[in-house]
Amino acid sequence: MRRARPAEHRARGQARFEARIRYRNALARKGPRRKRVHTNVFTPKLGREVQARLGQQLRAMYDEIVNQGVPTRFTELLNRLDGDGNKDKR
């Protein structure tokens, strides 16, 4: 059986209920929630010429690395690993 609450408790509960309803109504008036856009984030933009020049410099730098080839130590290790993998498959 439910006990009757004192008038003070009922009034406090009623006030909370009304506050929740006011909050929900305020949100409904605002419309659907939108994602927050960070306006303090700086997004640098490079011109096409700068992007092209940067791309050329990066390609030149990495072409040297690619043309160096794989050290023989790594090649031997890869070959050994490939050989072990073939034995397990059989």
C-alpha atoms as a PDB file:
ATOM      1  CA  MET A   1       0.000   0.000   0.000  1.00  0.00           C
ATOM      2  CA  ARG A   2       1.289   3.440  -0.938  1.00  0.00           C
ATOM      3  CA  ARG A   3       1.706   5.927   1.848  1.00  0.00           C
ATOM      4  CA  ALA A   4       0.457   9.446   1.360  1.00  0.00           C
ATOM      5  CA  ARG A   5       3.256  11.951   1.057  1.00  0.00           C
ATOM      6  CA  PRO A   6       3.214  15.132   3.061  1.00  0.00           C
ATOM      7  CA  ALA A   7       2.068  18.240   1.200  1.00  0.00           C
ATOM      8  CA  GLU A   8       5.624  19.630   1.143  1.00  0.00           C
ATOM      9  CA  HIS A   9       6.935  16.554  -0.715  1.00  0.00           C
ATOM     10  CA  ARG A  10       4.049  16.649  -3.171  1.00  0.00           C
ATOM     11  CA  ALA A  11       4.717  20.320  -3.887  1.00  0.00           C
ATOM     12  CA  ARG A  12       8.437  19.670  -4.456  1.00  0.00           C
ATOM     13  CA  GLY A  13       7.663  16.767  -6.783  1.00  0.00           C
ATOM     14  CA  GLN A  14       5.121  18.868  -8.658  1.00  0.00           C
ATOM     15  CA  ALA A  15       7.688  21.669  -9.054  1.00  0.00           C
ATOM     16  CA  ARG A  16      10.251  19.226 -10.506  1.00  0.00           C
ATOM     17  CA  PHE A  17       7.666  17.819 -12.873  1.00  0.00           C
ATOM     18  CA  GLU A  18       6.689  21.290 -14.087  1.00  0.00           C
ATOM     19  CA  ALA A  19      10.347  22.247 -14.554  1.00  0.00           C
ATOM     20  CA  ARG A  20      10.895  19.156 -16.712  1.00  0.00           C
ATOM     21  CA  ILE A  21       7.862  20.021 -18.821  1.00  0.00           C
ATOM     22  CA  ARG A  22       9.060  23.621 -19.273  1.00  0.00           C
ATOM     23  CA  TYR A  23      12.507  22.339 -20.321  1.00  0.00           C
ATOM     24  CA  ARG A  24      11.039  19.897 -22.845  1.00  0.00           C
ATOM     25  CA  ASN A  25       8.781  22.588 -24.274  1.00  0.00           C
ATOM     26  CA  ALA A  26      11.712  24.970 -24.603  1.00  0.00           C
ATOM     27  CA  LEU A  27      13.682  22.310 -26.492  1.00  0.00           C
ATOM     28  CA  ALA A  28      10.702  21.633 -28.748  1.00  0.00           C
ATOM     29  CA  ARG A  29      10.440  25.343 -29.614  1.00  0.00           C
ATOM     30  CA  LYS A  30      14.114  25.439 -30.600  1.00  0.00           C
ATOM     31  CA  GLY A  31      13.620  22.704 -33.177  1.00  0.00           C
ATOM     32  CA  PRO A  32      15.838  19.699 -33.841  1.00  0.00           C
ATOM     33  CA  ARG A  33      19.226  19.662 -32.184  1.00  0.00           C
ATOM     34  CA  ARG A  34      22.140  20.401 -34.431  1.00  0.00           C
ATOM     35  CA  LYS A  35      25.704  19.291 -34.131  1.00  0.00           C
ATOM     36  CA  ARG A  36      27.964  21.893 -32.715  1.00  0.00           C
ATOM     37  CA  VAL A  37      30.319  23.484 -35.219  1.00  0.00           C
ATOM     38  CA  HIS A  38      33.689  24.397 -33.783  1.00  0.00           C
ATOM     39  CA  THR A  39      34.369  27.884 -35.037  1.00  0.00           C
ATOM     40  CA  ASN A  40      37.693  28.158 -33.233  1.00  0.00           C
ATOM     41  CA  VAL A  41      39.282  25.396 -35.342  1.00  0.00           C
ATOM     42  CA  PHE A  42      41.596  26.772 -37.997  1.00  0.00           C
ATOM     43  CA  THR A  43      41.504  24.891 -41.291  1.00  0.00           C
ATOM     44  CA  PRO A  44      44.388  26.025 -43.466  1.00  0.00           C
ATOM     45  CA  LYS A  45      43.877  25.914 -47.193  1.00  0.00           C
ATOM     46  CA  LEU A  46      46.689  25.682 -49.691  1.00  0.00           C
ATOM     47  CA  GLY A  47      46.483  26.978 -53.208  1.00  0.00           C
ATOM     48  CA  ARG A  48      46.838  24.620 -56.155  1.00  0.00           C
ATOM     49  CA  GLU A  49      50.333  25.856 -56.946  1.00  0.00           C
ATOM     50  CA  VAL A  50      51.529  25.247 -53.399  1.00  0.00           C
ATOM     51  CA  GLN A  51      49.928  21.777 -53.359  1.00  0.00           C
ATOM     52  CA  ALA A  52      51.592  20.900 -56.688  1.00  0.00           C
ATOM     53  CA  ARG A  53      54.998  22.092 -55.491  1.00  0.00           C
ATOM     54  CA  LEU A  54      54.644  20.208 -52.206  1.00  0.00           C
ATOM     55  CA  GLY A  55      53.644  17.038 -54.092  1.00  0.00           C
ATOM     56  CA  GLN A  56      56.698  17.322 -56.346  1.00  0.00           C
ATOM     57  CA  GLN A  57      59.029  17.724 -53.400  1.00  0.00           C
ATOM     58  CA  LEU A  58      57.501  14.777 -51.518  1.00  0.00           C
ATOM     59  CA  ARG A  59      57.702  12.545 -54.599  1.00  0.00           C
ATOM     60  CA  ALA A  60      61.339  13.483 -55.143  1.00  0.00           C
ATOM     61  CA  MET A  61      62.178  12.724 -51.521  1.00  0.00           C
ATOM     62  CA  TYR A  62      60.367   9.379 -51.419  1.00  0.00           C
ATOM     63  CA  ASP A  63      61.587   8.287 -54.860  1.00  0.00           C
ATOM     64  CA  GLU A  64      65.119   8.276 -53.461  1.00  0.00           C
ATOM     65  CA  ILE A  65      64.004   6.019 -50.606  1.00  0.00           C
ATOM     66  CA  VAL A  66      62.105   3.663 -52.910  1.00  0.00           C
ATOM     67  CA  ASN A  67      65.056   3.410 -55.295  1.00  0.00           C
ATOM     68  CA  GLN A  68      67.367   2.370 -52.436  1.00  0.00           C
ATOM     69  CA  GLY A  69      65.729  -1.033 -52.459  1.00  0.00           C
ATOM     70  CA  VAL A  70      65.232  -3.524 -49.669  1.00  0.00           C
ATOM     71  CA  PRO A  71      68.324  -4.520 -47.673  1.00  0.00           C
ATOM     72  CA  THR A  72      69.452  -8.125 -48.267  1.00  0.00           C
ATOM     73  CA  ARG A  73      68.951  -8.914 -44.569  1.00  0.00           C
ATOM     74  CA  PHE A  74      65.237  -8.127 -44.854  1.00  0.00           C
ATOM     75  CA  THR A  75      64.925 -10.015 -48.133  1.00  0.00           C
ATOM     76  CA  GLU A  76      66.471 -13.118 -46.546  1.00  0.00           C
ATOM     77  CA  LEU A  77      64.164 -12.827 -43.543  1.00  0.00           C
ATOM     78  CA  LEU A  78      61.098 -12.501 -45.776  1.00  0.00           C
ATOM     79  CA  ASN A  79      62.193 -15.503 -47.830  1.00  0.00           C
ATOM     80  CA  ARG A  80      62.647 -17.575 -44.649  1.00  0.00           C
ATOM     81  CA  LEU A  81      59.208 -16.548 -43.415  1.00  0.00           C
ATOM     82  CA  ASP A  82      57.649 -17.413 -46.787  1.00  0.00           C
ATOM     83  CA  GLY A  83      59.371 -20.797 -46.689  1.00  0.00           C
ATOM     84  CA  ASP A  84      57.984 -21.552 -43.185  1.00  0.00           C
ATOM     85  CA  GLY A  85      54.502 -20.536 -44.296  1.00  0.00           C
ATOM     86  CA  ASN A  86      54.560 -22.972 -47.209  1.00  0.00           C
ATOM     87  CA  LYS A  87      55.530 -25.871 -44.915  1.00  0.00           C
ATOM     88  CA  ASP A  88      52.540 -25.185 -42.636  1.00  0.00           C
ATOM     89  CA  LYS A  89      50.098 -25.158 -45.554  1.00  0.00           C
ATOM     90  CA  ARG A  90      51.068 -28.652 -46.718  1.00  0.00           C
END
